[in-house]
Amino acid sequence: MITHRQLVACGLRRGAIRRRLEAGRLRQMHRGVYLAGPVMPPLGEEMAAVLACGAGAYVGHASAAFLHGLPPHPAKPDPVTVAVVGRDLRRPDIDIRRTTTLAEDEATEVEGIPVTTPARTILDLAAALPSAELAALIAEAYAQGLTSAGQLRSLIARHRGRPGTAALREMLARERGPKITDSEAERRFLTLVRAAGLPEPRAGVRMHGYRVDFLWPGERLVVEVDGYRFHSSGARFRSDRRRDQDLIAHGLTVMRVAWSHIVDEPYALIARLAAALAGARLAQPFASA
């Protein structure tokens, strides 16, 4: 990615730039920002969006979460969201969010691209995310060692009154409060399944060297229930991921259920589970064909 100013600094005049555009050697991404060459780099859209917004611009919100490898978006958000400090700015095809302040320790770089830190990204997203998605975002950031409760509380204190601080403060207060044990979470989950009239699973079954919480053998669906609010260690989190991958490699579908799904959104959880069971049954004829 290169800006018009950089091209001029390289000695190219307006006519030379126009000829390269006509020949396809440059491609305009935004006003004054170009792709040099035929191949779009993996994070080219993010760099182009930041360059188009000028100084004091950082990839932010959902786009920043994607750059840090955090949920809620497994796929690259489109358009790119950019946080701009202290300026009202509009650019076509860029989701620009004005912010009054962004301290030096709230910004970093990913692959050379200016981006908000994981902690600031969580704060920016906290106002818009449902509680279950916010819990998943924090848990993933903890597990990857990208932030800590102390960093998040420091940001809350610094940005008192900002949208998202109340939701984040409540989520962190829950973390300090009484925790749901794994066994209690499993009991509540099974109660929900029975109340919804869904087929009853087998509990505590050993599959391919692992004990799984719940198994629907006909549908080859495994549900693992996580009782603790934010899994306490990154090692356990990574172990759970390896376990899921091993089970998937053996042809099983693995669905993880967090405490917040059980407590905060039981109806949505049951709807997702029913859809997973129905989808597995529909897929069986194709798998056997």
C-alpha atoms as a PDB file:
ATOM      1  CA  MET A   1       0.000   0.000   0.000  1.00  0.00           C
ATOM      2  CA  ILE A   2       1.260   3.464  -0.859  1.00  0.00           C
ATOM      3  CA  THR A   3      -0.142   6.972  -0.584  1.00  0.00           C
ATOM      4  CA  HIS A   4      -0.181   9.729  -3.202  1.00  0.00           C
ATOM      5  CA  ARG A   5       2.267  11.719  -1.071  1.00  0.00           C
ATOM      6  CA  GLN A   6       4.670   8.782  -0.961  1.00  0.00           C
ATOM      7  CA  LEU A   7       4.473   8.354  -4.744  1.00  0.00           C
ATOM      8  CA  VAL A   8       5.317  12.028  -5.219  1.00  0.00           C
ATOM      9  CA  ALA A   9       8.212  11.657  -2.774  1.00  0.00           C
ATOM     10  CA  CYS A  10       9.468   8.812  -4.996  1.00  0.00           C
ATOM     11  CA  GLY A  11       9.598  11.261  -7.929  1.00  0.00           C
ATOM     12  CA  LEU A  12       6.340  10.403  -9.705  1.00  0.00           C
ATOM     13  CA  ARG A  13       4.302  13.285 -11.085  1.00  0.00           C
ATOM     14  CA  ARG A  14       0.556  13.324 -11.692  1.00  0.00           C
ATOM     15  CA  GLY A  15       0.867  12.069 -15.292  1.00  0.00           C
ATOM     16  CA  ALA A  16       3.121   9.184 -14.278  1.00  0.00           C
ATOM     17  CA  ILE A  17       0.689   8.151 -11.564  1.00  0.00           C
ATOM     18  CA  ARG A  18      -2.229   8.296 -14.020  1.00  0.00           C
ATOM     19  CA  ARG A  19      -0.374   6.133 -16.569  1.00  0.00           C
ATOM     20  CA  ARG A  20       0.379   3.501 -13.931  1.00  0.00           C
ATOM     21  CA  LEU A  21      -3.285   3.479 -12.926  1.00  0.00           C
ATOM     22  CA  GLU A  22      -4.352   3.019 -16.555  1.00  0.00           C
ATOM     23  CA  ALA A  23      -1.829   0.217 -17.016  1.00  0.00           C
ATOM     24  CA  GLY A  24      -2.997  -1.571 -13.855  1.00  0.00           C
ATOM     25  CA  ARG A  25       0.340  -1.184 -12.077  1.00  0.00           C
ATOM     26  CA  LEU A  26      -1.455   0.876  -9.446  1.00  0.00           C
ATOM     27  CA  ARG A  27      -4.974   0.301  -8.155  1.00  0.00           C
ATOM     28  CA  GLN A  28      -6.833   2.943  -6.196  1.00  0.00           C
ATOM     29  CA  MET A  29      -8.072   1.626  -2.836  1.00  0.00           C
ATOM     30  CA  HIS A  30      -9.276   4.924  -1.335  1.00  0.00           C
ATOM     31  CA  ARG A  31      -8.751   8.552  -2.245  1.00  0.00           C
ATOM     32  CA  GLY A  32      -4.999   9.060  -2.242  1.00  0.00           C
ATOM     33  CA  VAL A  33      -4.194   5.426  -1.357  1.00  0.00           C
ATOM     34  CA  TYR A  34      -3.080   2.806  -3.889  1.00  0.00           C
ATOM     35  CA  LEU A  35      -2.167  -0.837  -4.152  1.00  0.00           C
ATOM     36  CA  ALA A  36       1.184  -1.193  -5.925  1.00  0.00           C
ATOM     37  CA  GLY A  37       1.349  -4.417  -7.908  1.00  0.00           C
ATOM     38  CA  PRO A  38      -1.199  -7.086  -8.827  1.00  0.00           C
ATOM     39  CA  VAL A  39      -1.440  -8.999  -5.527  1.00  0.00           C
ATOM     40  CA  MET A  40      -3.478  -7.866  -2.522  1.00  0.00           C
ATOM     41  CA  PRO A  41      -1.545  -8.630   0.688  1.00  0.00           C
ATOM     42  CA  PRO A  42      -3.486 -10.485   3.424  1.00  0.00           C
ATOM     43  CA  LEU A  43      -4.073  -7.353   5.540  1.00  0.00           C
ATOM     44  CA  GLY A  44      -3.963  -4.859   2.698  1.00  0.00           C
ATOM     45  CA  GLU A  45      -7.504  -3.555   3.256  1.00  0.00           C
ATOM     46  CA  GLU A  46      -6.722  -2.727   6.884  1.00  0.00           C
ATOM     47  CA  MET A  47      -3.491  -0.876   6.022  1.00  0.00           C
ATOM     48  CA  ALA A  48      -5.220   0.999   3.183  1.00  0.00           C
ATOM     49  CA  ALA A  49      -8.047   2.109   5.476  1.00  0.00           C
ATOM     50  CA  VAL A  50      -5.614   3.449   8.096  1.00  0.00           C
ATOM     51  CA  LEU A  51      -3.568   5.290   5.451  1.00  0.00           C
ATOM     52  CA  ALA A  52      -6.741   6.817   4.021  1.00  0.00           C
ATOM     53  CA  CYS A  53      -7.657   8.246   7.432  1.00  0.00           C
ATOM     54  CA  GLY A  54      -4.275   9.839   8.077  1.00  0.00           C
ATOM     55  CA  ALA A  55      -2.518  10.573  11.348  1.00  0.00           C
ATOM     56  CA  GLY A  56      -4.168   9.412  14.563  1.00  0.00           C
ATOM     57  CA  ALA A  57      -5.973   6.522  12.850  1.00  0.00           C
ATOM     58  CA  TYR A  58      -5.958   2.940  14.121  1.00  0.00           C
ATOM     59  CA  VAL A  59      -7.769  -0.234  13.128  1.00  0.00           C
ATOM     60  CA  GLY A  60     -10.381  -0.631  15.856  1.00  0.00           C
ATOM     61  CA  HIS A  61     -13.460  -2.420  17.184  1.00  0.00           C
ATOM     62  CA  ALA A  62     -14.365  -5.656  15.329  1.00  0.00           C
ATOM     63  CA  SER A  63     -11.555  -5.187  12.789  1.00  0.00           C
ATOM     64  CA  ALA A  64      -9.025  -4.864  15.633  1.00  0.00           C
ATOM     65  CA  ALA A  65     -10.420  -8.007  17.267  1.00  0.00           C
ATOM     66  CA  PHE A  66      -9.902  -9.854  13.975  1.00  0.00           C
ATOM     67  CA  LEU A  67      -6.285  -8.653  13.737  1.00  0.00           C
ATOM     68  CA  HIS A  68      -5.632  -9.879  17.290  1.00  0.00           C
ATOM     69  CA  GLY A  69      -7.235 -13.262  16.543  1.00  0.00           C
ATOM     70  CA  LEU A  70     -10.161 -12.629  18.881  1.00  0.00           C
ATOM     71  CA  PRO A  71     -13.909 -13.226  18.517  1.00  0.00           C
ATOM     72  CA  PRO A  72     -16.678 -12.371  17.751  1.00  0.00           C
ATOM     73  CA  HIS A  73     -15.860 -12.402  13.993  1.00  0.00           C
ATOM     74  CA  PRO A  74     -14.130 -15.539  12.629  1.00  0.00           C
ATOM     75  CA  ALA A  75     -14.087 -13.897   9.172  1.00  0.00           C
ATOM     76  CA  LYS A  76     -12.609 -10.524   8.276  1.00  0.00           C
ATOM     77  CA  PRO A  77     -15.154  -7.748   8.973  1.00  0.00           C
ATOM     78  CA  ASP A  78     -16.181  -5.718   5.946  1.00  0.00           C
ATOM     79  CA  PRO A  79     -15.881  -2.753   5.836  1.00  0.00           C
ATOM     80  CA  VAL A  80     -12.782  -2.137   7.928  1.00  0.00           C
ATOM     81  CA  THR A  81     -13.447  -0.195  11.134  1.00  0.00           C
ATOM     82  CA  VAL A  82     -10.959   2.574  11.934  1.00  0.00           C
ATOM     83  CA  ALA A  83     -10.787   4.580  15.178  1.00  0.00           C
ATOM     84  CA  VAL A  84      -9.805   8.194  14.502  1.00  0.00           C
ATOM     85  CA  VAL A  85      -8.656  10.404  17.366  1.00  0.00           C
ATOM     86  CA  GLY A  86     -10.134  13.870  17.721  1.00  0.00           C
ATOM     87  CA  ARG A  87     -11.395  14.392  14.168  1.00  0.00           C
ATOM     88  CA  ASP A  88     -14.712  14.051  12.380  1.00  0.00           C
ATOM     89  CA  LEU A  89     -13.898  12.222   9.181  1.00  0.00           C
ATOM     90  CA  ARG A  90     -15.831  10.491   6.430  1.00  0.00           C
ATOM     91  CA  ARG A  91     -14.420   8.079   3.892  1.00  0.00           C
ATOM     92  CA  PRO A  92     -16.484   5.896   1.556  1.00  0.00           C
ATOM     93  CA  ASP A  93     -16.231   2.173   2.336  1.00  0.00           C
ATOM     94  CA  ILE A  94     -14.579   2.711   5.754  1.00  0.00           C
ATOM     95  CA  ASP A  95     -16.436   2.430   9.068  1.00  0.00           C
ATOM     96  CA  ILE A  96     -14.925   5.387  10.935  1.00  0.00           C
ATOM     97  CA  ARG A  97     -15.426   5.711  14.697  1.00  0.00           C
ATOM     98  CA  ARG A  98     -14.381   9.037  16.232  1.00  0.00           C
ATOM     99  CA  THR A  99     -12.773   8.830  19.657  1.00  0.00           C
ATOM    100  CA  THR A 100     -11.790  11.756  21.853  1.00  0.00           C
ATOM    101  CA  THR A 101      -8.818  10.028  23.450  1.00  0.00           C
ATOM    102  CA  LEU A 102      -6.580   7.072  22.769  1.00  0.00           C
ATOM    103  CA  ALA A 103      -3.572   6.920  25.074  1.00  0.00           C
ATOM    104  CA  GLU A 104      -0.179   5.728  23.876  1.00  0.00           C
ATOM    105  CA  ASP A 105      -0.521   2.464  25.819  1.00  0.00           C
ATOM    106  CA  GLU A 106      -3.890   1.777  24.149  1.00  0.00           C
ATOM    107  CA  ALA A 107      -2.374   1.434  20.678  1.00  0.00           C
ATOM    108  CA  THR A 108       0.006  -1.115  19.184  1.00  0.00           C
ATOM    109  CA  GLU A 109       0.878  -2.625  15.796  1.00  0.00           C
ATOM    110  CA  VAL A 110       0.015  -5.910  14.090  1.00  0.00           C
ATOM    111  CA  GLU A 111       2.107  -6.654  10.991  1.00  0.00           C
ATOM    112  CA  GLY A 112       3.062  -2.981  10.941  1.00  0.00           C
ATOM    113  CA  ILE A 113      -0.567  -1.806  11.002  1.00  0.00           C
ATOM    114  CA  PRO A 114      -1.584   0.648  13.760  1.00  0.00           C
ATOM    115  CA  VAL A 115      -4.326  -0.998  15.833  1.00  0.00           C
ATOM    116  CA  THR A 116      -5.930  -0.603  19.245  1.00  0.00           C
ATOM    117  CA  THR A 117      -4.586  -2.939  21.928  1.00  0.00           C
ATOM    118  CA  PRO A 118      -6.598  -6.035  22.879  1.00  0.00           C
ATOM    119  CA  ALA A 119      -7.710  -4.356  26.139  1.00  0.00           C
ATOM    120  CA  ARG A 120      -8.887  -1.173  24.395  1.00  0.00           C
ATOM    121  CA  THR A 121     -10.549  -3.294  21.704  1.00  0.00           C
ATOM    122  CA  ILE A 122     -12.526  -5.169  24.374  1.00  0.00           C
ATOM    123  CA  LEU A 123     -13.610  -1.868  25.930  1.00  0.00           C
ATOM    124  CA  ASP A 124     -14.699  -0.497  22.537  1.00  0.00           C
ATOM    125  CA  LEU A 125     -16.737  -3.629  21.781  1.00  0.00           C
ATOM    126  CA  ALA A 126     -18.256  -4.021  25.262  1.00  0.00           C
ATOM    127  CA  ALA A 127     -21.155  -1.637  24.614  1.00  0.00           C
ATOM    128  CA  ALA A 128     -22.367  -3.522  21.536  1.00  0.00           C
ATOM    129  CA  LEU A 129     -21.814  -7.203  22.365  1.00  0.00           C
ATOM    130  CA  PRO A 130     -24.326  -9.488  24.112  1.00  0.00           C
ATOM    131  CA  SER A 131     -23.017 -10.686  27.456  1.00  0.00           C
ATOM    132  CA  ALA A 132     -22.227 -14.194  26.193  1.00  0.00           C
ATOM    133  CA  GLU A 133     -20.125 -12.837  23.317  1.00  0.00           C
ATOM    134  CA  LEU A 134     -18.359 -10.379  25.618  1.00  0.00           C
ATOM    135  CA  ALA A 135     -17.535 -13.230  28.005  1.00  0.00           C
ATOM    136  CA  ALA A 136     -16.146 -15.286  25.110  1.00  0.00           C
ATOM    137  CA  LEU A 137     -14.065 -12.328  23.921  1.00  0.00           C
ATOM    138  CA  ILE A 138     -12.534 -11.790  27.376  1.00  0.00           C
ATOM    139  CA  ALA A 139     -11.921 -15.520  27.875  1.00  0.00           C
ATOM    140  CA  GLU A 140     -10.083 -15.789  24.555  1.00  0.00           C
ATOM    141  CA  ALA A 141      -7.963 -12.701  25.312  1.00  0.00           C
ATOM    142  CA  TYR A 142      -7.054 -14.134  28.732  1.00  0.00           C
ATOM    143  CA  ALA A 143      -6.202 -17.535  27.266  1.00  0.00           C
ATOM    144  CA  GLN A 144      -3.892 -16.003  24.653  1.00  0.00           C
ATOM    145  CA  GLY A 145      -2.229 -13.808  27.265  1.00  0.00           C
ATOM    146  CA  LEU A 146      -3.258 -10.658  25.379  1.00  0.00           C
ATOM    147  CA  THR A 147      -4.690  -8.819  28.382  1.00  0.00           C
ATOM    148  CA  SER A 148      -5.565  -9.242  32.058  1.00  0.00           C
ATOM    149  CA  ALA A 149      -8.285  -8.250  34.489  1.00  0.00           C
ATOM    150  CA  GLY A 150      -5.949  -5.605  35.899  1.00  0.00           C
ATOM    151  CA  GLN A 151      -5.478  -3.974  32.493  1.00  0.00           C
ATOM    152  CA  LEU A 152      -9.212  -3.967  31.845  1.00  0.00           C
ATOM    153  CA  ARG A 153      -9.980  -2.433  35.252  1.00  0.00           C
ATOM    154  CA  SER A 154      -7.360   0.243  34.636  1.00  0.00           C
ATOM    155  CA  LEU A 155      -9.059   1.158  31.359  1.00  0.00           C
ATOM    156  CA  ILE A 156     -12.456   1.293  33.052  1.00  0.00           C
ATOM    157  CA  ALA A 157     -11.089   3.734  35.622  1.00  0.00           C
ATOM    158  CA  ARG A 158      -9.434   5.840  32.925  1.00  0.00           C
ATOM    159  CA  HIS A 159     -12.546   6.018  30.734  1.00  0.00           C
ATOM    160  CA  ARG A 160     -15.179   6.354  33.435  1.00  0.00           C
ATOM    161  CA  GLY A 161     -18.581   7.044  31.864  1.00  0.00           C
ATOM    162  CA  ARG A 162     -17.596   5.874  28.380  1.00  0.00           C
ATOM    163  CA  PRO A 163     -20.054   3.527  26.600  1.00  0.00           C
ATOM    164  CA  GLY A 164     -19.078  -0.051  27.368  1.00  0.00           C
ATOM    165  CA  THR A 165     -17.475   0.593  30.755  1.00  0.00           C
ATOM    166  CA  ALA A 166     -20.630  -0.383  32.679  1.00  0.00           C
ATOM    167  CA  ALA A 167     -21.014  -3.680  30.787  1.00  0.00           C
ATOM    168  CA  LEU A 168     -17.329  -4.487  31.179  1.00  0.00           C
ATOM    169  CA  ARG A 169     -17.352  -3.593  34.876  1.00  0.00           C
ATOM    170  CA  GLU A 170     -20.342  -5.897  35.432  1.00  0.00           C
ATOM    171  CA  MET A 171     -18.640  -8.732  33.562  1.00  0.00           C
ATOM    172  CA  LEU A 172     -15.459  -8.410  35.621  1.00  0.00           C
ATOM    173  CA  ALA A 173     -17.512  -8.248  38.832  1.00  0.00           C
ATOM    174  CA  ARG A 174     -19.117 -11.555  37.869  1.00  0.00           C
ATOM    175  CA  GLU A 175     -15.663 -13.016  37.435  1.00  0.00           C
ATOM    176  CA  ARG A 176     -14.823 -12.186  41.044  1.00  0.00           C
ATOM    177  CA  GLY A 177     -18.145 -13.504  42.317  1.00  0.00           C
ATOM    178  CA  PRO A 178     -19.288 -17.062  43.028  1.00  0.00           C
ATOM    179  CA  LYS A 179     -18.429 -19.415  40.203  1.00  0.00           C
ATOM    180  CA  ILE A 180     -20.529 -22.189  38.746  1.00  0.00           C
ATOM    181  CA  THR A 181     -18.735 -25.506  39.105  1.00  0.00           C
ATOM    182  CA  ASP A 182     -18.467 -27.768  36.080  1.00  0.00           C
ATOM    183  CA  SER A 183     -20.823 -30.319  37.677  1.00  0.00           C
ATOM    184  CA  GLU A 184     -23.436 -27.651  38.473  1.00  0.00           C
ATOM    185  CA  ALA A 185     -23.213 -26.273  34.925  1.00  0.00           C
ATOM    186  CA  GLU A 186     -23.683 -29.786  33.498  1.00  0.00           C
ATOM    187  CA  ARG A 187     -26.723 -30.348  35.761  1.00  0.00           C
ATOM    188  CA  ARG A 188     -28.306 -27.079  34.641  1.00  0.00           C
ATOM    189  CA  PHE A 189     -27.599 -27.879  30.995  1.00  0.00           C
ATOM    190  CA  LEU A 190     -29.251 -31.308  31.251  1.00  0.00           C
ATOM    191  CA  THR A 191     -32.263 -29.723  32.977  1.00  0.00           C
ATOM    192  CA  LEU A 192     -32.637 -27.326  30.023  1.00  0.00           C
ATOM    193  CA  VAL A 193     -32.429 -30.204  27.524  1.00  0.00           C
ATOM    194  CA  ARG A 194     -35.122 -32.169  29.340  1.00  0.00           C
ATOM    195  CA  ALA A 195     -37.401 -29.128  29.754  1.00  0.00           C
ATOM    196  CA  ALA A 196     -37.149 -28.449  26.012  1.00  0.00           C
ATOM    197  CA  GLY A 197     -38.145 -32.018  25.150  1.00  0.00           C
ATOM    198  CA  LEU A 198     -34.966 -32.699  23.180  1.00  0.00           C
ATOM    199  CA  PRO A 199     -33.543 -36.228  22.960  1.00  0.00           C
ATOM    200  CA  GLU A 200     -31.619 -37.028  26.113  1.00  0.00           C
ATOM    201  CA  PRO A 201     -27.856 -37.422  25.659  1.00  0.00           C
ATOM    202  CA  ARG A 202     -25.489 -39.898  27.247  1.00  0.00           C
ATOM    203  CA  ALA A 203     -23.403 -38.253  29.973  1.00  0.00           C
ATOM    204  CA  GLY A 204     -19.764 -38.815  30.899  1.00  0.00           C
ATOM    205  CA  VAL A 205     -18.987 -41.087  27.954  1.00  0.00           C
ATOM    206  CA  ARG A 206     -15.406 -41.938  26.974  1.00  0.00           C
ATOM    207  CA  MET A 207     -14.671 -41.301  23.303  1.00  0.00           C
ATOM    208  CA  HIS A 208     -11.276 -41.756  21.646  1.00  0.00           C
ATOM    209  CA  GLY A 209      -9.417 -41.436  24.937  1.00  0.00           C
ATOM    210  CA  TYR A 210     -11.431 -38.497  26.327  1.00  0.00           C
ATOM    211  CA  ARG A 211     -14.346 -38.195  28.724  1.00  0.00           C
ATOM    212  CA  VAL A 212     -16.963 -36.034  27.035  1.00  0.00           C
ATOM    213  CA  ASP A 213     -19.675 -34.265  29.005  1.00  0.00           C
ATOM    214  CA  PHE A 214     -22.614 -35.148  26.737  1.00  0.00           C
ATOM    215  CA  LEU A 215     -22.945 -37.277  23.607  1.00  0.00           C
ATOM    216  CA  TRP A 216     -25.773 -37.796  21.149  1.00  0.00           C
ATOM    217  CA  PRO A 217     -24.379 -40.971  19.525  1.00  0.00           C
ATOM    218  CA  GLY A 218     -26.774 -41.126  16.557  1.00  0.00           C
ATOM    219  CA  GLU A 219     -26.007 -37.542  15.592  1.00  0.00           C
ATOM    220  CA  ARG A 220     -22.305 -37.848  16.582  1.00  0.00           C
ATOM    221  CA  LEU A 221     -22.682 -34.578  18.476  1.00  0.00           C
ATOM    222  CA  VAL A 222     -20.584 -33.812  21.562  1.00  0.00           C
ATOM    223  CA  VAL A 223     -21.399 -30.972  23.954  1.00  0.00           C
ATOM    224  CA  GLU A 224     -18.709 -29.800  26.361  1.00  0.00           C
ATOM    225  CA  VAL A 225     -19.867 -27.575  29.224  1.00  0.00           C
ATOM    226  CA  ASP A 226     -17.474 -25.014  30.693  1.00  0.00           C
ATOM    227  CA  GLY A 227     -18.529 -24.105  34.211  1.00  0.00           C
ATOM    228  CA  TYR A 228     -15.933 -21.494  35.106  1.00  0.00           C
ATOM    229  CA  ARG A 229     -16.685 -18.004  33.903  1.00  0.00           C
ATOM    230  CA  PHE A 230     -13.318 -17.306  32.337  1.00  0.00           C
ATOM    231  CA  HIS A 231     -11.236 -20.443  32.100  1.00  0.00           C
ATOM    232  CA  SER A 232      -8.577 -19.851  34.675  1.00  0.00           C
ATOM    233  CA  SER A 233      -5.514 -20.857  32.697  1.00  0.00           C
ATOM    234  CA  GLY A 234      -4.331 -20.578  29.151  1.00  0.00           C
ATOM    235  CA  ALA A 235      -2.934 -24.122  29.459  1.00  0.00           C
ATOM    236  CA  ARG A 236      -6.391 -25.534  30.141  1.00  0.00           C
ATOM    237  CA  PHE A 237      -7.860 -23.490  27.315  1.00  0.00           C
ATOM    238  CA  ARG A 238      -5.271 -24.813  24.833  1.00  0.00           C
ATOM    239  CA  SER A 239      -5.766 -28.362  26.110  1.00  0.00           C
ATOM    240  CA  ASP A 240      -9.516 -28.043  25.490  1.00  0.00           C
ATOM    241  CA  ARG A 241      -8.836 -26.849  21.936  1.00  0.00           C
ATOM    242  CA  ARG A 242      -6.545 -29.827  21.204  1.00  0.00           C
ATOM    243  CA  ARG A 243      -9.166 -32.178  22.626  1.00  0.00           C
ATOM    244  CA  ASP A 244     -11.864 -30.643  20.393  1.00  0.00           C
ATOM    245  CA  GLN A 245      -9.643 -30.981  17.340  1.00  0.00           C
ATOM    246  CA  ASP A 246      -8.951 -34.653  18.098  1.00  0.00           C
ATOM    247  CA  LEU A 247     -12.672 -35.394  18.436  1.00  0.00           C
ATOM    248  CA  ILE A 248     -13.480 -33.512  15.223  1.00  0.00           C
ATOM    249  CA  ALA A 249     -10.758 -35.490  13.431  1.00  0.00           C
ATOM    250  CA  HIS A 250     -12.680 -38.653  14.419  1.00  0.00           C
ATOM    251  CA  GLY A 251     -15.839 -37.380  12.718  1.00  0.00           C
ATOM    252  CA  LEU A 252     -17.600 -35.870  15.728  1.00  0.00           C
ATOM    253  CA  THR A 253     -19.167 -32.425  15.925  1.00  0.00           C
ATOM    254  CA  VAL A 254     -18.132 -30.566  19.087  1.00  0.00           C
ATOM    255  CA  MET A 255     -20.260 -27.776  20.566  1.00  0.00           C
ATOM    256  CA  ARG A 256     -18.927 -25.817  23.547  1.00  0.00           C
ATOM    257  CA  VAL A 257     -21.387 -24.321  26.024  1.00  0.00           C
ATOM    258  CA  ALA A 258     -20.226 -21.572  28.393  1.00  0.00           C
ATOM    259  CA  TRP A 259     -21.697 -20.721  31.786  1.00  0.00           C
ATOM    260  CA  SER A 260     -23.099 -17.500  30.329  1.00  0.00           C
ATOM    261  CA  HIS A 261     -25.055 -19.422  27.671  1.00  0.00           C
ATOM    262  CA  ILE A 262     -26.735 -21.498  30.391  1.00  0.00           C
ATOM    263  CA  VAL A 263     -27.417 -18.625  32.791  1.00  0.00           C
ATOM    264  CA  ASP A 264     -27.996 -15.621  30.530  1.00  0.00           C
ATOM    265  CA  GLU A 265     -29.486 -16.998  27.307  1.00  0.00           C
ATOM    266  CA  PRO A 266     -30.945 -20.486  27.857  1.00  0.00           C
ATOM    267  CA  TYR A 267     -33.570 -20.188  25.088  1.00  0.00           C
ATOM    268  CA  ALA A 268     -30.990 -19.207  22.487  1.00  0.00           C
ATOM    269  CA  LEU A 269     -28.773 -22.070  23.665  1.00  0.00           C
ATOM    270  CA  ILE A 270     -31.560 -24.623  23.268  1.00  0.00           C
ATOM    271  CA  ALA A 271     -32.389 -23.233  19.813  1.00  0.00           C
ATOM    272  CA  ARG A 272     -28.762 -23.664  18.706  1.00  0.00           C
ATOM    273  CA  LEU A 273     -28.623 -27.172  20.150  1.00  0.00           C
ATOM    274  CA  ALA A 274     -31.876 -28.183  18.422  1.00  0.00           C
ATOM    275  CA  ALA A 275     -30.552 -26.818  15.127  1.00  0.00           C
ATOM    276  CA  ALA A 276     -27.279 -28.740  15.563  1.00  0.00           C
ATOM    277  CA  LEU A 277     -29.150 -32.002  16.241  1.00  0.00           C
ATOM    278  CA  ALA A 278     -31.481 -31.470  13.269  1.00  0.00           C
ATOM    279  CA  GLY A 279     -28.560 -30.570  10.996  1.00  0.00           C
ATOM    280  CA  ALA A 280     -26.669 -33.701  12.029  1.00  0.00           C
ATOM    281  CA  ARG A 281     -29.673 -35.894  11.241  1.00  0.00           C
ATOM    282  CA  LEU A 282     -30.139 -34.264   7.838  1.00  0.00           C
ATOM    283  CA  ALA A 283     -26.456 -34.748   7.012  1.00  0.00           C
ATOM    284  CA  GLN A 284     -26.478 -38.498   7.718  1.00  0.00           C
ATOM    285  CA  PRO A 285     -27.962 -39.608   4.366  1.00  0.00           C
ATOM    286  CA  PHE A 286     -25.326 -37.578   2.503  1.00  0.00           C
ATOM    287  CA  ALA A 287     -22.513 -38.973   4.636  1.00  0.00           C
ATOM    288  CA  SER A 288     -23.613 -42.558   3.959  1.00  0.00           C
ATOM    289  CA  ALA A 289     -24.225 -42.029   0.226  1.00  0.00           C
END
